[in-house]
Amino acid sequence: QVQLVESGGGSVQAGGSLRLSCAASGGTFSTYAMGWFRQSPGK
């Protein structure tokens, strides 16, 4: 069973930095396309 687990989110002030990580398991990810997406309220 494929699982993707994100981590690293949080709160930061404008101008700051964050690093997100995604750990994948249950598939042959070395051959997949992977990516980051986002969704804001109402968008």
PDB file of all heavy atoms in Angstrom:
ATOM      1  N   GLN A   1       0.849  -1.190   0.000  1.00  0.00           N
ATOM      2  CA  GLN A   1       0.000   0.000   0.000  1.00  0.00           C
ATOM      3  C   GLN A   1       0.884   1.239   0.000  1.00  0.00           C
ATOM      4  O   GLN A   1       1.757   1.399   0.838  1.00  0.00           O
ATOM      5  CB  GLN A   1      -0.894   0.010   1.237  1.00  0.00           C
ATOM      6  CG  GLN A   1      -1.829   1.191   1.314  1.00  0.00           C
ATOM      7  CD  GLN A   1      -2.719   1.137   2.539  1.00  0.00           C
ATOM      8  OE1 GLN A   1      -2.707   0.157   3.282  1.00  0.00           O
ATOM      9  NE2 GLN A   1      -3.478   2.188   2.755  1.00  0.00           N
ATOM     10  N   VAL A   2       0.629   2.114  -0.970  1.00  0.00           N
ATOM     11  CA  VAL A   2       1.424   3.331  -1.082  1.00  0.00           C
ATOM     12  C   VAL A   2       1.037   4.316   0.015  1.00  0.00           C
ATOM     13  O   VAL A   2      -0.138   4.555   0.272  1.00  0.00           O
ATOM     14  CB  VAL A   2       1.224   3.970  -2.455  1.00  0.00           C
ATOM     15  CG1 VAL A   2       1.875   5.337  -2.513  1.00  0.00           C
ATOM     16  CG2 VAL A   2       1.782   3.063  -3.546  1.00  0.00           C
ATOM     17  N   GLN A   3       2.048   4.879   0.634  1.00  0.00           N
ATOM     18  CA  GLN A   3       1.811   5.914   1.642  1.00  0.00           C
ATOM     19  C   GLN A   3       2.786   7.058   1.421  1.00  0.00           C
ATOM     20  O   GLN A   3       3.971   6.840   1.130  1.00  0.00           O
ATOM     21  CB  GLN A   3       1.998   5.357   3.047  1.00  0.00           C
ATOM     22  CG  GLN A   3       0.842   4.519   3.553  1.00  0.00           C
ATOM     23  CD  GLN A   3       0.938   4.241   5.040  1.00  0.00           C
ATOM     24  OE1 GLN A   3       2.013   3.973   5.553  1.00  0.00           O
ATOM     25  NE2 GLN A   3      -0.188   4.321   5.728  1.00  0.00           N
ATOM     26  N   LEU A   4       2.283   8.253   1.542  1.00  0.00           N
ATOM     27  CA  LEU A   4       3.099   9.463   1.477  1.00  0.00           C
ATOM     28  C   LEU A   4       2.836  10.236   2.763  1.00  0.00           C
ATOM     29  O   LEU A   4       1.681  10.518   3.096  1.00  0.00           O
ATOM     30  CB  LEU A   4       2.722  10.316   0.268  1.00  0.00           C
ATOM     31  CG  LEU A   4       2.832   9.655  -1.099  1.00  0.00           C
ATOM     32  CD1 LEU A   4       2.267  10.560  -2.182  1.00  0.00           C
ATOM     33  CD2 LEU A   4       4.274   9.310  -1.416  1.00  0.00           C
ATOM     34  N   VAL A   5       3.885  10.575   3.465  1.00  0.00           N
ATOM     35  CA  VAL A   5       3.743  11.269   4.733  1.00  0.00           C
ATOM     36  C   VAL A   5       4.585  12.537   4.705  1.00  0.00           C
ATOM     37  O   VAL A   5       5.811  12.477   4.584  1.00  0.00           O
ATOM     38  CB  VAL A   5       4.173  10.382   5.916  1.00  0.00           C
ATOM     39  CG1 VAL A   5       4.025  11.135   7.223  1.00  0.00           C
ATOM     40  CG2 VAL A   5       3.346   9.090   5.936  1.00  0.00           C
ATOM     41  N   GLU A   6       3.891  13.682   4.806  1.00  0.00           N
ATOM     42  CA  GLU A   6       4.574  14.963   4.811  1.00  0.00           C
ATOM     43  C   GLU A   6       4.942  15.378   6.232  1.00  0.00           C
ATOM     44  O   GLU A   6       4.260  15.017   7.190  1.00  0.00           O
ATOM     45  CB  GLU A   6       3.699  16.064   4.207  1.00  0.00           C
ATOM     46  CG  GLU A   6       3.242  15.825   2.781  1.00  0.00           C
ATOM     47  CD  GLU A   6       1.846  15.257   2.706  1.00  0.00           C
ATOM     48  OE1 GLU A   6       1.409  14.618   3.696  1.00  0.00           O
ATOM     49  OE2 GLU A   6       1.173  15.438   1.666  1.00  0.00           O
ATOM     50  N   SER A   7       5.991  16.158   6.330  1.00  0.00           N
ATOM     51  CA  SER A   7       6.381  16.735   7.614  1.00  0.00           C
ATOM     52  C   SER A   7       7.104  18.046   7.352  1.00  0.00           C
ATOM     53  O   SER A   7       7.495  18.336   6.214  1.00  0.00           O
ATOM     54  CB  SER A   7       7.276  15.770   8.396  1.00  0.00           C
ATOM     55  OG  SER A   7       8.461  15.503   7.676  1.00  0.00           O
ATOM     56  N   GLY A   8       7.265  18.824   8.410  1.00  0.00           N
ATOM     57  CA  GLY A   8       8.049  20.045   8.302  1.00  0.00           C
ATOM     58  C   GLY A   8       7.258  21.325   8.212  1.00  0.00           C
ATOM     59  O   GLY A   8       7.838  22.414   8.183  1.00  0.00           O
ATOM     60  N   GLY A   9       5.945  21.222   8.157  1.00  0.00           N
ATOM     61  CA  GLY A   9       5.147  22.441   8.124  1.00  0.00           C
ATOM     62  C   GLY A   9       5.199  23.158   9.460  1.00  0.00           C
ATOM     63  O   GLY A   9       5.740  22.661  10.443  1.00  0.00           O
ATOM     64  N   GLY A  10       4.656  24.354   9.481  1.00  0.00           N
ATOM     65  CA  GLY A  10       4.638  25.125  10.712  1.00  0.00           C
ATOM     66  C   GLY A  10       4.358  26.580  10.433  1.00  0.00           C
ATOM     67  O   GLY A  10       3.883  26.938   9.354  1.00  0.00           O
ATOM     68  N   SER A  11       4.651  27.392  11.421  1.00  0.00           N
ATOM     69  CA  SER A  11       4.410  28.826  11.313  1.00  0.00           C
ATOM     70  C   SER A  11       5.744  29.559  11.245  1.00  0.00           C
ATOM     71  O   SER A  11       6.687  29.218  11.955  1.00  0.00           O
ATOM     72  CB  SER A  11       3.610  29.313  12.525  1.00  0.00           C
ATOM     73  OG  SER A  11       2.339  28.700  12.569  1.00  0.00           O
ATOM     74  N   VAL A  12       5.784  30.564  10.399  1.00  0.00           N
ATOM     75  CA  VAL A  12       7.013  31.333  10.218  1.00  0.00           C
ATOM     76  C   VAL A  12       6.631  32.754   9.836  1.00  0.00           C
ATOM     77  O   VAL A  12       5.542  32.986   9.288  1.00  0.00           O
ATOM     78  CB  VAL A  12       7.900  30.676   9.135  1.00  0.00           C
ATOM     79  CG1 VAL A  12       7.229  30.720   7.777  1.00  0.00           C
ATOM     80  CG2 VAL A  12       9.284  31.284   9.103  1.00  0.00           C
ATOM     81  N   GLN A  13       7.508  33.680  10.114  1.00  0.00           N
ATOM     82  CA  GLN A  13       7.262  35.062   9.719  1.00  0.00           C
ATOM     83  C   GLN A  13       7.673  35.275   8.272  1.00  0.00           C
ATOM     84  O   GLN A  13       8.513  34.544   7.728  1.00  0.00           O
ATOM     85  CB  GLN A  13       8.025  36.016  10.627  1.00  0.00           C
ATOM     86  CG  GLN A  13       7.468  36.092  12.042  1.00  0.00           C
ATOM     87  CD  GLN A  13       8.064  37.229  12.835  1.00  0.00           C
ATOM     88  OE1 GLN A  13       9.232  37.571  12.658  1.00  0.00           O
ATOM     89  NE2 GLN A  13       7.270  37.820  13.716  1.00  0.00           N
ATOM     90  N   ALA A  14       7.085  36.270   7.671  1.00  0.00           N
ATOM     91  CA  ALA A  14       7.419  36.607   6.291  1.00  0.00           C
ATOM     92  C   ALA A  14       8.926  36.816   6.144  1.00  0.00           C
ATOM     93  O   ALA A  14       9.559  37.421   7.001  1.00  0.00           O
ATOM     94  CB  ALA A  14       6.663  37.861   5.861  1.00  0.00           C
ATOM     95  N   GLY A  15       9.451  36.279   5.070  1.00  0.00           N
ATOM     96  CA  GLY A  15      10.882  36.343   4.833  1.00  0.00           C
ATOM     97  C   GLY A  15      11.634  35.137   5.358  1.00  0.00           C
ATOM     98  O   GLY A  15      12.813  34.951   5.038  1.00  0.00           O
ATOM     99  N   GLY A  16      10.959  34.319   6.139  1.00  0.00           N
ATOM    100  CA  GLY A  16      11.587  33.148   6.725  1.00  0.00           C
ATOM    101  C   GLY A  16      11.616  31.964   5.778  1.00  0.00           C
ATOM    102  O   GLY A  16      11.210  32.055   4.613  1.00  0.00           O
ATOM    103  N   SER A  17      12.085  30.842   6.312  1.00  0.00           N
ATOM    104  CA  SER A  17      12.254  29.622   5.524  1.00  0.00           C
ATOM    105  C   SER A  17      11.657  28.432   6.248  1.00  0.00           C
ATOM    106  O   SER A  17      11.577  28.405   7.478  1.00  0.00           O
ATOM    107  CB  SER A  17      13.738  29.358   5.268  1.00  0.00           C
ATOM    108  OG  SER A  17      14.338  30.420   4.566  1.00  0.00           O
ATOM    109  N   LEU A  18      11.245  27.457   5.468  1.00  0.00           N
ATOM    110  CA  LEU A  18      10.799  26.168   5.988  1.00  0.00           C
ATOM    111  C   LEU A  18      11.238  25.093   5.020  1.00  0.00           C
ATOM    112  O   LEU A  18      11.363  25.348   3.805  1.00  0.00           O
ATOM    113  CB  LEU A  18       9.277  26.114   6.143  1.00  0.00           C
ATOM    114  CG  LEU A  18       8.625  26.775   7.357  1.00  0.00           C
ATOM    115  CD1 LEU A  18       7.110  26.714   7.220  1.00  0.00           C
ATOM    116  CD2 LEU A  18       9.079  26.121   8.644  1.00  0.00           C
ATOM    117  N   ARG A  19      11.419  23.906   5.553  1.00  0.00           N
ATOM    118  CA  ARG A  19      11.759  22.753   4.704  1.00  0.00           C
ATOM    119  C   ARG A  19      10.734  21.665   4.938  1.00  0.00           C
ATOM    120  O   ARG A  19      10.566  21.197   6.064  1.00  0.00           O
ATOM    121  CB  ARG A  19      13.156  22.227   5.022  1.00  0.00           C
ATOM    122  CG  ARG A  19      13.642  21.165   4.040  1.00  0.00           C
ATOM    123  CD  ARG A  19      15.068  20.741   4.367  1.00  0.00           C
ATOM    124  NE  ARG A  19      15.624  19.833   3.386  1.00  0.00           N
ATOM    125  CZ  ARG A  19      16.313  20.217   2.304  1.00  0.00           C
ATOM    126  NH1 ARG A  19      16.519  21.513   2.101  1.00  0.00           N
ATOM    127  NH2 ARG A  19      16.791  19.329   1.457  1.00  0.00           N
ATOM    128  N   LEU A  20      10.054  21.293   3.887  1.00  0.00           N
ATOM    129  CA  LEU A  20       9.073  20.211   3.938  1.00  0.00           C
ATOM    130  C   LEU A  20       9.713  18.924   3.448  1.00  0.00           C
ATOM    131  O   LEU A  20      10.540  18.946   2.536  1.00  0.00           O
ATOM    132  CB  LEU A  20       7.857  20.540   3.071  1.00  0.00           C
ATOM    133  CG  LEU A  20       7.158  21.875   3.332  1.00  0.00           C
ATOM    134  CD1 LEU A  20       5.938  22.005   2.407  1.00  0.00           C
ATOM    135  CD2 LEU A  20       6.756  22.017   4.780  1.00  0.00           C
ATOM    136  N   SER A  21       9.300  17.825   4.043  1.00  0.00           N
ATOM    137  CA  SER A  21       9.765  16.514   3.608  1.00  0.00           C
ATOM    138  C   SER A  21       8.581  15.594   3.358  1.00  0.00           C
ATOM    139  O   SER A  21       7.556  15.720   4.022  1.00  0.00           O
ATOM    140  CB  SER A  21      10.681  15.884   4.672  1.00  0.00           C
ATOM    141  OG  SER A  21      11.879  16.596   4.778  1.00  0.00           O
ATOM    142  N   CYS A  22       8.761  14.700   2.424  1.00  0.00           N
ATOM    143  CA  CYS A  22       7.736  13.708   2.101  1.00  0.00           C
ATOM    144  C   CYS A  22       8.411  12.350   2.055  1.00  0.00           C
ATOM    145  O   CYS A  22       9.316  12.133   1.246  1.00  0.00           O
ATOM    146  CB  CYS A  22       7.079  14.027   0.770  1.00  0.00           C
ATOM    147  SG  CYS A  22       5.941  12.752   0.171  1.00  0.00           S
ATOM    148  N   ALA A  23       7.961  11.469   2.924  1.00  0.00           N
ATOM    149  CA  ALA A  23       8.493  10.106   2.944  1.00  0.00           C
ATOM    150  C   ALA A  23       7.508   9.178   2.265  1.00  0.00           C
ATOM    151  O   ALA A  23       6.331   9.135   2.636  1.00  0.00           O
ATOM    152  CB  ALA A  23       8.722   9.674   4.399  1.00  0.00           C
ATOM    153  N   ALA A  24       7.996   8.461   1.272  1.00  0.00           N
ATOM    154  CA  ALA A  24       7.140   7.574   0.486  1.00  0.00           C
ATOM    155  C   ALA A  24       7.465   6.123   0.786  1.00  0.00           C
ATOM    156  O   ALA A  24       8.622   5.770   1.006  1.00  0.00           O
ATOM    157  CB  ALA A  24       7.332   7.856  -1.005  1.00  0.00           C
ATOM    158  N   SER A  25       6.442   5.307   0.784  1.00  0.00           N
ATOM    159  CA  SER A  25       6.644   3.877   1.005  1.00  0.00           C
ATOM    160  C   SER A  25       5.583   3.083   0.249  1.00  0.00           C
ATOM    161  O   SER A  25       4.527   3.626  -0.112  1.00  0.00           O
ATOM    162  CB  SER A  25       6.589   3.538   2.494  1.00  0.00           C
ATOM    163  OG  SER A  25       5.318   3.868   3.030  1.00  0.00           O
ATOM    164  N   GLY A  26       5.882   1.827  -0.001  1.00  0.00           N
ATOM    165  CA  GLY A  26       4.900   0.947  -0.616  1.00  0.00           C
ATOM    166  C   GLY A  26       4.880   0.958  -2.126  1.00  0.00           C
ATOM    167  O   GLY A  26       3.976   0.376  -2.728  1.00  0.00           O
ATOM    168  N   GLY A  27       5.854   1.616  -2.763  1.00  0.00           N
ATOM    169  CA  GLY A  27       5.890   1.656  -4.222  1.00  0.00           C
ATOM    170  C   GLY A  27       7.306   1.772  -4.731  1.00  0.00           C
ATOM    171  O   GLY A  27       8.245   1.930  -3.952  1.00  0.00           O
ATOM    172  N   THR A  28       7.444   1.709  -6.051  1.00  0.00           N
ATOM    173  CA  THR A  28       8.763   1.827  -6.680  1.00  0.00           C
ATOM    174  C   THR A  28       8.998   3.291  -7.024  1.00  0.00           C
ATOM    175  O   THR A  28       8.965   3.695  -8.193  1.00  0.00           O
ATOM    176  CB  THR A  28       8.828   0.947  -7.936  1.00  0.00           C
ATOM    177  OG1 THR A  28       8.337  -0.363  -7.633  1.00  0.00           O
ATOM    178  CG2 THR A  28      10.260   0.835  -8.437  1.00  0.00           C
ATOM    179  N   PHE A  29       9.256   4.092  -6.028  1.00  0.00           N
ATOM    180  CA  PHE A  29       9.277   5.537  -6.204  1.00  0.00           C
ATOM    181  C   PHE A  29      10.462   6.023  -7.012  1.00  0.00           C
ATOM    182  O   PHE A  29      10.446   7.150  -7.509  1.00  0.00           O
ATOM    183  CB  PHE A  29       9.201   6.227  -4.838  1.00  0.00           C
ATOM    184  CG  PHE A  29       7.892   5.989  -4.164  1.00  0.00           C
ATOM    185  CD1 PHE A  29       7.741   4.995  -3.222  1.00  0.00           C
ATOM    186  CD2 PHE A  29       6.783   6.749  -4.502  1.00  0.00           C
ATOM    187  CE1 PHE A  29       6.523   4.758  -2.613  1.00  0.00           C
ATOM    188  CE2 PHE A  29       5.555   6.525  -3.898  1.00  0.00           C
ATOM    189  CZ  PHE A  29       5.425   5.525  -2.954  1.00  0.00           C
ATOM    190  N   SER A  30      11.460   5.215  -7.168  1.00  0.00           N
ATOM    191  CA  SER A  30      12.619   5.643  -7.943  1.00  0.00           C
ATOM    192  C   SER A  30      12.263   5.852  -9.412  1.00  0.00           C
ATOM    193  O   SER A  30      13.020   6.464 -10.153  1.00  0.00           O
ATOM    194  CB  SER A  30      13.749   4.615  -7.818  1.00  0.00           C
ATOM    195  OG  SER A  30      13.320   3.359  -8.303  1.00  0.00           O
ATOM    196  N   THR A  31      11.105   5.360  -9.830  1.00  0.00           N
ATOM    197  CA  THR A  31      10.685   5.528 -11.223  1.00  0.00           C
ATOM    198  C   THR A  31       9.500   6.466 -11.371  1.00  0.00           C
ATOM    199  O   THR A  31       9.004   6.666 -12.467  1.00  0.00           O
ATOM    200  CB  THR A  31      10.307   4.169 -11.839  1.00  0.00           C
ATOM    201  OG1 THR A  31       9.169   3.634 -11.126  1.00  0.00           O
ATOM    202  CG2 THR A  31      11.455   3.179 -11.738  1.00  0.00           C
ATOM    203  N   TYR A  32       9.043   7.065 -10.279  1.00  0.00           N
ATOM    204  CA  TYR A  32       7.841   7.891 -10.321  1.00  0.00           C
ATOM    205  C   TYR A  32       8.171   9.373 -10.460  1.00  0.00           C
ATOM    206  O   TYR A  32       9.259   9.820 -10.125  1.00  0.00           O
ATOM    207  CB  TYR A  32       7.029   7.720  -9.042  1.00  0.00           C
ATOM    208  CG  TYR A  32       6.466   6.339  -8.798  1.00  0.00           C
ATOM    209  CD1 TYR A  32       5.825   6.050  -7.597  1.00  0.00           C
ATOM    210  CD2 TYR A  32       6.550   5.321  -9.747  1.00  0.00           C
ATOM    211  CE1 TYR A  32       5.290   4.804  -7.341  1.00  0.00           C
ATOM    212  CE2 TYR A  32       6.021   4.068  -9.497  1.00  0.00           C
ATOM    213  CZ  TYR A  32       5.396   3.811  -8.295  1.00  0.00           C
ATOM    214  OH  TYR A  32       4.863   2.581  -8.038  1.00  0.00           O
ATOM    215  N   ALA A  33       7.205  10.123 -10.921  1.00  0.00           N
ATOM    216  CA  ALA A  33       7.238  11.566 -10.764  1.00  0.00           C
ATOM    217  C   ALA A  33       6.608  11.895  -9.417  1.00  0.00           C
ATOM    218  O   ALA A  33       5.617  11.282  -9.024  1.00  0.00           O
ATOM    219  CB  ALA A  33       6.458  12.253 -11.878  1.00  0.00           C
ATOM    220  N   MET A  34       7.205  12.828  -8.735  1.00  0.00           N
ATOM    221  CA  MET A  34       6.688  13.239  -7.436  1.00  0.00           C
ATOM    222  C   MET A  34       6.647  14.756  -7.390  1.00  0.00           C
ATOM    223  O   MET A  34       7.309  15.432  -8.177  1.00  0.00           O
ATOM    224  CB  MET A  34       7.557  12.687  -6.306  1.00  0.00           C
ATOM    225  CG  MET A  34       7.597  11.180  -6.269  1.00  0.00           C
ATOM    226  SD  MET A  34       8.547  10.517  -4.880  1.00  0.00           S
ATOM    227  CE  MET A  34       7.487  10.962  -3.498  1.00  0.00           C
ATOM    228  N   GLY A  35       5.871  15.273  -6.489  1.00  0.00           N
ATOM    229  CA  GLY A  35       5.788  16.719  -6.457  1.00  0.00           C
ATOM    230  C   GLY A  35       5.088  17.270  -5.235  1.00  0.00           C
ATOM    231  O   GLY A  35       4.532  16.521  -4.423  1.00  0.00           O
ATOM    232  N   TRP A  36       5.149  18.569  -5.141  1.00  0.00           N
ATOM    233  CA  TRP A  36       4.501  19.320  -4.076  1.00  0.00           C
ATOM    234  C   TRP A  36       3.401  20.194  -4.657  1.00  0.00           C
ATOM    235  O   TRP A  36       3.602  20.866  -5.680  1.00  0.00           O
ATOM    236  CB  TRP A  36       5.517  20.191  -3.341  1.00  0.00           C
ATOM    237  CG  TRP A  36       6.469  19.404  -2.495  1.00  0.00           C
ATOM    238  CD1 TRP A  36       7.718  18.991  -2.829  1.00  0.00           C
ATOM    239  CD2 TRP A  36       6.219  18.926  -1.177  1.00  0.00           C
ATOM    240  NE1 TRP A  36       8.266  18.276  -1.801  1.00  0.00           N
ATOM    241  CE2 TRP A  36       7.366  18.223  -0.768  1.00  0.00           C
ATOM    242  CE3 TRP A  36       5.146  19.016  -0.299  1.00  0.00           C
ATOM    243  CZ2 TRP A  36       7.475  17.619   0.480  1.00  0.00           C
ATOM    244  CZ3 TRP A  36       5.253  18.425   0.948  1.00  0.00           C
ATOM    245  CH2 TRP A  36       6.405  17.734   1.327  1.00  0.00           C
ATOM    246  N   PHE A  37       2.300  20.190  -3.971  1.00  0.00           N
ATOM    247  CA  PHE A  37       1.130  20.977  -4.355  1.00  0.00           C
ATOM    248  C   PHE A  37       0.653  21.730  -3.124  1.00  0.00           C
ATOM    249  O   PHE A  37       1.020  21.385  -1.996  1.00  0.00           O
ATOM    250  CB  PHE A  37       0.030  20.056  -4.874  1.00  0.00           C
ATOM    251  CG  PHE A  37       0.444  19.262  -6.080  1.00  0.00           C
ATOM    252  CD1 PHE A  37       1.278  18.160  -5.963  1.00  0.00           C
ATOM    253  CD2 PHE A  37       0.011  19.623  -7.346  1.00  0.00           C
ATOM    254  CE1 PHE A  37       1.683  17.443  -7.078  1.00  0.00           C
ATOM    255  CE2 PHE A  37       0.397  18.910  -8.471  1.00  0.00           C
ATOM    256  CZ  PHE A  37       1.242  17.816  -8.325  1.00  0.00           C
ATOM    257  N   ARG A  38      -0.158  22.727  -3.335  1.00  0.00           N
ATOM    258  CA  ARG A  38      -0.688  23.423  -2.178  1.00  0.00           C
ATOM    259  C   ARG A  38      -2.102  23.885  -2.451  1.00  0.00           C
ATOM    260  O   ARG A  38      -2.517  24.058  -3.604  1.00  0.00           O
ATOM    261  CB  ARG A  38       0.194  24.616  -1.803  1.00  0.00           C
ATOM    262  CG  ARG A  38       0.105  25.803  -2.748  1.00  0.00           C
ATOM    263  CD  ARG A  38       1.047  26.903  -2.304  1.00  0.00           C
ATOM    264  NE  ARG A  38       0.797  28.152  -3.005  1.00  0.00           N
ATOM    265  CZ  ARG A  38       1.519  29.246  -2.829  1.00  0.00           C
ATOM    266  NH1 ARG A  38       2.554  29.250  -1.988  1.00  0.00           N
ATOM    267  NH2 ARG A  38       1.212  30.356  -3.489  1.00  0.00           N
ATOM    268  N   GLN A  39      -2.827  24.084  -1.367  1.00  0.00           N
ATOM    269  CA  GLN A  39      -4.196  24.577  -1.475  1.00  0.00           C
ATOM    270  C   GLN A  39      -4.470  25.526  -0.326  1.00  0.00           C
ATOM    271  O   GLN A  39      -4.302  25.173   0.845  1.00  0.00           O
ATOM    272  CB  GLN A  39      -5.203  23.428  -1.464  1.00  0.00           C
ATOM    273  CG  GLN A  39      -6.621  23.883  -1.752  1.00  0.00           C
ATOM    274  CD  GLN A  39      -7.538  22.723  -2.098  1.00  0.00           C
ATOM    275  OE1 GLN A  39      -7.280  21.576  -1.743  1.00  0.00           O
ATOM    276  NE2 GLN A  39      -8.615  23.019  -2.798  1.00  0.00           N
ATOM    277  N   SER A  40      -4.890  26.737  -0.698  1.00  0.00           N
ATOM    278  CA  SER A  40      -5.282  27.744   0.279  1.00  0.00           C
ATOM    279  C   SER A  40      -6.801  27.752   0.381  1.00  0.00           C
ATOM    280  O   SER A  40      -7.482  27.351  -0.571  1.00  0.00           O
ATOM    281  CB  SER A  40      -4.782  29.125  -0.151  1.00  0.00           C
ATOM    282  OG  SER A  40      -3.399  29.116  -0.368  1.00  0.00           O
ATOM    283  N   PRO A  41      -7.329  28.204   1.492  1.00  0.00           N
ATOM    284  CA  PRO A  41      -8.792  28.250   1.638  1.00  0.00           C
ATOM    285  C   PRO A  41      -9.444  29.033   0.504  1.00  0.00           C
ATOM    286  O   PRO A  41      -9.022  30.142   0.181  1.00  0.00           O
ATOM    287  CB  PRO A  41      -8.981  28.960   2.987  1.00  0.00           C
ATOM    288  CG  PRO A  41      -7.743  28.657   3.739  1.00  0.00           C
ATOM    289  CD  PRO A  41      -6.647  28.645   2.724  1.00  0.00           C
ATOM    290  N   GLY A  42     -10.440  28.443  -0.103  1.00  0.00           N
ATOM    291  CA  GLY A  42     -11.169  29.108  -1.173  1.00  0.00           C
ATOM    292  C   GLY A  42     -10.497  29.078  -2.523  1.00  0.00           C
ATOM    293  O   GLY A  42     -11.010  29.633  -3.487  1.00  0.00           O
ATOM    294  N   LYS A  43      -9.345  28.442  -2.591  1.00  0.00           N
ATOM    295  CA  LYS A  43      -8.622  28.380  -3.857  1.00  0.00           C
ATOM    296  C   LYS A  43      -8.455  26.939  -4.314  1.00  0.00           C
ATOM    297  O   LYS A  43      -8.521  25.999  -3.521  1.00  0.00           O
ATOM    298  CB  LYS A  43      -7.247  29.036  -3.722  1.00  0.00           C
ATOM    299  CG  LYS A  43      -7.302  30.530  -3.440  1.00  0.00           C
ATOM    300  CD  LYS A  43      -5.911  31.127  -3.467  1.00  0.00           C
ATOM    301  CE  LYS A  43      -5.938  32.627  -3.266  1.00  0.00           C
ATOM    302  NZ  LYS A  43      -4.577  33.216  -3.310  1.00  0.00           N
TER     303      LYS A  43
END
